[in-house]
């Protein structure tokens, strides 16, 4: 009996972890917060490892990240099954952001999402011209 239980417990644990991660994000609820983030630029040094099979070395390449303006809304809804409040945050267009108010009922749809990426990046030119 102990041996069977010892074999079954890990399987039950893994199954519980999998099932807990399967809950869907809510798309309808009360607006509890709105957030606007202005556009900004950030430079980061990204490590790149080069190897010839025998030796390797690391170089740092500068990348510039361009983050666009971002409008977000956070909604919440009571989940009767879990007996807790679920929250979800969505990136939305400026027009949708301006038309919603905190406390209002909000139903998210994919068309409310901006049609441009949240950020873009480009590798900075590190080569120097020699005269």
Protein backbone atom coordinates (compact mmCIF):
# COMPACT_ATOMS: atom_id res chain seq x y z
CA UNK A 1 0.00 0.00 0.00
CA UNK A 2 2.76 2.47 0.93
CA UNK A 3 4.64 1.64 -2.24
CA UNK A 4 1.60 2.30 -4.46
CA UNK A 5 0.87 5.57 -2.68
CA UNK A 6 4.50 6.63 -3.10
CA UNK A 7 4.21 6.02 -6.86
CA UNK A 8 0.88 7.80 -7.23
CA UNK A 9 1.65 10.96 -5.24
CA UNK A 10 4.11 12.46 -7.79
CA UNK A 11 1.57 11.89 -10.57
CA UNK A 12 -1.16 13.61 -8.57
CA UNK A 13 1.17 16.53 -7.85
CA UNK A 14 2.06 16.98 -11.54
CA UNK A 15 -1.59 16.72 -12.59
CA UNK A 16 -2.57 19.36 -10.01
CA UNK A 17 0.09 21.76 -11.33
CA UNK A 18 -1.09 21.23 -14.90
CA UNK A 19 -4.76 21.74 -14.07
CA UNK A 20 -4.07 24.88 -12.03
CA UNK A 21 -2.36 26.47 -15.01
CA UNK A 22 -5.34 25.84 -17.28
CA UNK A 23 -7.63 28.55 -15.94
CA UNK A 24 -8.57 31.06 -18.61
CA UNK A 25 -8.01 34.78 -18.35
CA UNK A 26 -11.24 36.68 -17.78
CA UNK A 27 -12.48 38.93 -20.60
CA UNK A 28 -15.42 40.55 -18.83
CA UNK A 29 -15.47 42.41 -15.55
CA UNK A 30 -15.48 45.67 -13.63
CA UNK A 31 -12.78 48.21 -14.50
CA UNK A 32 -10.60 48.65 -11.40
CA UNK A 33 -7.71 50.64 -12.89
CA UNK A 34 -6.45 52.36 -16.03
CA UNK A 35 -2.82 53.06 -16.77
CA UNK A 36 -1.07 55.14 -19.42
CA UNK A 37 2.67 54.72 -20.09
CA UNK A 38 4.40 57.25 -22.38
CA UNK A 39 6.76 56.14 -25.14
CA UNK A 40 10.43 55.78 -24.24
CA UNK A 41 13.72 54.44 -25.54
CA UNK A 42 16.16 52.19 -23.73
CA UNK A 43 19.61 50.91 -24.66
CA UNK A 44 20.74 47.48 -23.48
CA UNK A 45 23.98 45.59 -23.93
CA UNK A 46 23.15 42.05 -25.03
CA UNK A 47 25.84 39.38 -24.54
CA UNK A 48 26.67 37.28 -27.61
CA UNK A 49 28.88 34.20 -27.26
CA UNK A 50 31.16 33.28 -30.16
CA UNK A 51 32.80 29.87 -30.36
CA UNK A 52 35.08 28.17 -32.87
CA UNK A 53 34.74 24.77 -31.21
CA UNK A 54 37.90 25.10 -29.15
CA UNK A 55 37.59 28.50 -27.54
CA UNK A 56 34.79 30.91 -26.95
CA UNK A 57 34.47 34.55 -26.05
CA UNK A 58 31.66 36.91 -25.19
CA UNK A 59 31.00 40.26 -26.81
CA UNK A 60 28.42 42.77 -25.75
CA UNK A 61 26.35 44.23 -28.57
CA UNK A 62 24.32 47.41 -27.95
CA UNK A 63 20.63 47.26 -28.87
CA UNK A 64 18.18 50.13 -28.75
CA UNK A 65 14.63 49.27 -27.67
CA UNK A 66 11.82 51.63 -28.72
CA UNK A 67 8.73 51.24 -26.53
CA UNK A 68 5.54 52.76 -27.89
CA UNK A 69 2.84 54.51 -25.86
CA UNK A 70 0.78 52.02 -23.91
CA UNK A 71 -2.76 52.16 -22.57
CA UNK A 72 -3.87 49.40 -20.22
CA UNK A 73 -7.03 48.51 -18.36
CA UNK A 74 -7.32 46.11 -15.42
CA UNK A 75 -10.61 44.35 -14.80
CA UNK A 76 -11.80 42.05 -12.04
CA UNK A 77 -14.59 39.53 -11.63
CA UNK A 78 -15.74 37.23 -8.84
CA UNK A 79 -15.19 33.55 -9.63
CA UNK A 80 -17.91 31.54 -7.93
CA UNK A 81 -16.12 28.20 -8.46
CA UNK A 82 -12.82 29.26 -6.88
CA UNK A 83 -14.41 31.68 -4.40
CA UNK A 84 -11.92 34.43 -5.26
CA UNK A 85 -11.54 37.55 -7.36
CA UNK A 86 -9.84 37.12 -10.72
CA UNK A 87 -8.02 40.02 -12.36
CA UNK A 88 -6.76 40.55 -15.88
CA UNK A 89 -4.88 43.40 -17.54
CA UNK A 90 -5.22 44.20 -21.24
CA UNK A 91 -3.31 46.48 -23.57
CA UNK A 92 -5.87 48.56 -25.48
CA UNK A 93 -6.02 51.43 -27.97
CA UNK A 94 -6.10 55.06 -26.90
CA UNK A 95 -9.67 55.40 -28.19
CA UNK A 96 -10.94 52.51 -26.04
CA UNK A 97 -8.96 53.86 -23.05
CA UNK A 98 -10.61 57.28 -23.36
CA UNK A 99 -14.11 55.77 -23.55
CA UNK A 100 -14.01 53.65 -20.39
CA UNK A 101 -14.31 54.68 -16.77
CA UNK A 102 -13.26 53.03 -13.52
CA UNK A 103 -16.21 51.10 -12.09
CA UNK A 104 -17.78 50.46 -15.50
CA UNK A 105 -18.43 47.00 -16.93
CA UNK A 106 -15.84 46.11 -19.59
CA UNK A 107 -15.87 43.32 -22.17
CA UNK A 108 -12.54 42.76 -23.92
CA UNK A 109 -12.27 41.76 -27.56
CA UNK A 110 -9.18 41.27 -29.74
CA UNK A 111 -10.12 44.30 -31.89
CA UNK A 112 -9.40 46.58 -28.90
CA UNK A 113 -5.71 45.67 -28.99
CA UNK A 114 -3.36 48.05 -30.87
CA UNK A 115 -2.17 46.82 -34.26
CA UNK A 116 1.48 47.75 -33.62
CA UNK A 117 4.07 46.00 -31.47
CA UNK A 118 4.64 46.99 -27.86
CA UNK A 119 8.32 47.53 -28.68
CA UNK A 120 10.86 47.21 -31.47
CA UNK A 121 14.60 46.85 -31.26
CA UNK A 122 17.53 47.47 -33.51
CA UNK A 123 21.19 46.66 -33.25
CA UNK A 124 23.36 49.73 -32.93
CA UNK A 125 26.16 50.11 -35.45
CA UNK A 126 29.39 49.48 -33.56
CA UNK A 127 31.75 49.63 -36.52
CA UNK A 128 33.94 52.70 -36.84
CA UNK A 129 35.14 54.06 -40.15
CA UNK A 130 38.89 54.45 -40.48
CA UNK A 131 40.31 57.20 -42.68
